[in-house]
Structures are given as C-alpha cells and as structure tokens.
C-alpha cells in the first residue's frame, strides 16, 4: 500500500470506530434508565414487597389477576385521582394484558413521582413468580 493511501484510510477507520463505539454506548445507556418490563423487573419487585396494580378493565381483572393486586383501570377517568391517593413511599408494579397499558400507566405514575416498575403482561408477572388467581 502506498504511504498516501495509509494517510487517508487511517482517519476513516478511526472515525468509523468512534461512531460505532458512540452508537453502542447510547444504546446501553438508554436501556439502563429503567428496568426492562416483564420477568426481571417484576421478579425483583416481588422480592422487595412491592404493591401490585392491575391496570386492566374490571372485566379483565375478574377473569384472573395477580393475587392481591389492586385494580386501577388506566382507561378510567378516575385513574389520575386514584394514583394521586397512593403512598408515595411505596414501590409499585403495574401490569396489563399485553404490556401496552402498563407502560402508559407507569409513565403517568412516574410523572406523579411514584416509584413504579412496568411488569408488562399478566403472563410476565406469573412467570416472574407472582401468584395468580
């Protein structure tokens, strides 16, 4: 390889390495902000005695839920006032049928300065060791 080619290739290679390292670092830090929904976060919360909140509809709750879970329907007009009444010192885990509503509920609860983990779906919670009804 001619010396002139080395001068051009070296900065290109170094630039590519820096870009790749930066992209990997951003992905790692973004995923480290909040525990992942589902089994891992819910399992930790089980060990720590967290309060479980089912954010599904009353009909879904009646079909089966995590034992001891409190029902607070995220789609209800009263959701904001119900979470405002929760103990700000407690840790909460929310779940729903698929994980979509629990993510929305967790975001609203964090906005209300509550310590909340998104447990994902009912299946995730049961797989993490929470007893069901």
Protein backbone atom coordinates (compact mmCIF):
# COMPACT_ATOMS: atom_id res chain seq x y z
CA UNK A 1 0.00 0.00 0.00
CA UNK A 2 1.29 3.43 -0.89
CA UNK A 3 2.04 5.83 2.01
CA UNK A 4 -0.57 8.32 0.76
CA UNK A 5 -3.32 5.69 1.00
CA UNK A 6 -2.46 4.98 4.64
CA UNK A 7 -2.90 8.66 5.47
CA UNK A 8 -6.42 8.61 4.00
CA UNK A 9 -7.51 5.20 5.33
CA UNK A 10 -6.36 5.63 8.92
CA UNK A 11 -8.65 8.60 9.72
CA UNK A 12 -11.57 6.86 8.00
CA UNK A 13 -11.09 3.69 10.05
CA UNK A 14 -10.66 5.62 13.29
CA UNK A 15 -13.77 7.67 12.53
CA UNK A 16 -15.82 4.53 11.92
CA UNK A 17 -14.62 3.01 15.20
CA UNK A 18 -15.55 6.16 17.13
CA UNK A 19 -19.02 6.28 15.54
CA UNK A 20 -19.69 2.63 16.31
CA UNK A 21 -18.49 2.98 19.90
CA UNK A 22 -20.72 6.00 20.40
CA UNK A 23 -23.77 4.26 18.99
CA UNK A 24 -23.24 1.23 21.22
CA UNK A 25 -22.82 3.43 24.27
CA UNK A 26 -26.08 5.27 23.59
CA UNK A 27 -28.00 2.03 23.25
CA UNK A 28 -26.59 0.73 26.52
CA UNK A 29 -27.37 3.90 28.45
CA UNK A 30 -30.88 4.17 27.03
CA UNK A 31 -31.68 0.65 28.15
CA UNK A 32 -30.17 1.26 31.59
CA UNK A 33 -32.53 4.08 32.53
CA UNK A 34 -35.37 1.83 33.60
CA UNK A 35 -35.61 -1.86 34.35
CA UNK A 36 -36.95 -3.82 31.42
CA UNK A 37 -40.63 -4.66 31.65
CA UNK A 38 -41.59 -8.18 32.47
CA UNK A 39 -39.94 -11.00 34.32
CA UNK A 40 -36.74 -9.39 35.60
CA UNK A 41 -38.24 -6.18 37.00
CA UNK A 42 -41.30 -7.93 38.34
CA UNK A 43 -39.19 -10.63 39.99
CA UNK A 44 -37.08 -8.03 41.78
CA UNK A 45 -40.20 -6.21 42.93
CA UNK A 46 -41.66 -9.46 44.26
CA UNK A 47 -38.59 -9.90 46.43
CA UNK A 48 -38.89 -6.30 47.67
CA UNK A 49 -42.58 -6.49 48.63
CA UNK A 50 -43.92 -4.09 46.02
CA UNK A 51 -47.61 -3.23 45.70
CA UNK A 52 -49.11 -4.69 42.54
CA UNK A 53 -51.57 -2.72 40.45
CA UNK A 54 -53.59 -4.28 37.64
CA UNK A 55 -54.36 -1.51 35.14
CA UNK A 56 -56.78 -3.55 33.03
CA UNK A 57 -60.56 -3.22 32.95
CA UNK A 58 -62.73 -4.62 35.76
CA UNK A 59 -63.93 -7.34 33.37
CA UNK A 60 -60.37 -8.45 32.60
CA UNK A 61 -59.49 -8.34 36.30
CA UNK A 62 -62.47 -10.60 37.11
CA UNK A 63 -61.18 -13.21 34.64
CA UNK A 64 -57.95 -13.59 36.63
CA UNK A 65 -55.23 -11.44 38.12
CA UNK A 66 -52.14 -11.45 40.31
CA UNK A 67 -53.12 -12.42 43.84
CA UNK A 68 -53.56 -9.31 45.97
CA UNK A 69 -53.37 -6.91 43.01
CA UNK A 70 -55.26 -3.66 43.32
CA UNK A 71 -57.39 -2.74 40.31
CA UNK A 72 -56.87 0.76 38.94
CA UNK A 73 -58.10 0.89 35.33
CA UNK A 74 -55.72 3.13 33.35
CA UNK A 75 -58.52 3.85 30.86
CA UNK A 76 -60.81 5.13 33.61
CA UNK A 77 -61.45 8.86 34.02
CA UNK A 78 -60.52 8.43 37.70
CA UNK A 79 -57.04 7.00 37.05
CA UNK A 80 -55.18 10.23 37.82
CA UNK A 81 -57.07 10.83 41.07
CA UNK A 82 -56.62 7.20 42.12
CA UNK A 83 -52.86 7.27 41.68
CA UNK A 84 -52.73 10.62 43.49
CA UNK A 85 -54.04 8.77 46.57
CA UNK A 86 -51.25 6.15 46.51
CA UNK A 87 -48.50 6.08 49.13
CA UNK A 88 -45.52 8.00 47.69
CA UNK A 89 -43.12 5.92 49.81
CA UNK A 90 -44.22 2.56 48.39
CA UNK A 91 -42.88 0.73 45.36
CA UNK A 92 -45.40 -0.31 42.72
CA UNK A 93 -45.52 -2.79 39.87
CA UNK A 94 -48.14 -2.34 37.16
CA UNK A 95 -49.26 -4.87 34.59
CA UNK A 96 -51.97 -5.34 31.97
CA UNK A 97 -52.86 -7.88 29.29
CA UNK A 98 -50.05 -7.25 26.80
CA UNK A 99 -47.80 -4.55 28.27
CA UNK A 100 -49.08 -1.50 26.37
CA UNK A 101 -51.40 -0.09 29.02
CA UNK A 102 -48.94 -0.89 31.80
CA UNK A 103 -46.28 1.19 30.01
CA UNK A 104 -48.70 4.14 29.77
CA UNK A 105 -49.74 3.74 33.41
CA UNK A 106 -46.13 3.51 34.59
CA UNK A 107 -45.29 6.72 32.74
CA UNK A 108 -48.20 8.57 34.35
CA UNK A 109 -47.26 7.24 37.77
CA UNK A 110 -43.63 8.33 37.33
CA UNK A 111 -44.93 11.78 36.39
CA UNK A 112 -46.73 11.72 39.76
CA UNK A 113 -43.35 10.97 41.43
CA UNK A 114 -44.22 7.38 42.30
CA UNK A 115 -41.65 4.55 42.33
CA UNK A 116 -43.09 2.21 39.73
CA UNK A 117 -41.90 -0.70 37.63
CA UNK A 118 -43.64 -1.85 34.48
CA UNK A 119 -44.28 -5.55 34.99
CA UNK A 120 -45.51 -5.96 31.42
CA UNK A 121 -48.24 -8.52 30.92
CA UNK A 122 -50.11 -10.78 33.32
CA UNK A 123 -48.20 -13.71 31.80
CA UNK A 124 -44.89 -11.94 32.53
CA UNK A 125 -45.92 -11.40 36.13
CA UNK A 126 -46.92 -15.02 36.64
CA UNK A 127 -43.67 -16.19 35.03
CA UNK A 128 -41.75 -13.94 37.45
CA UNK A 129 -43.25 -15.82 40.39
CA UNK A 130 -46.24 -13.70 41.36
CA UNK A 131 -49.15 -15.97 42.38
CA UNK A 132 -52.31 -15.70 40.28
CA UNK A 133 -55.99 -16.21 40.95
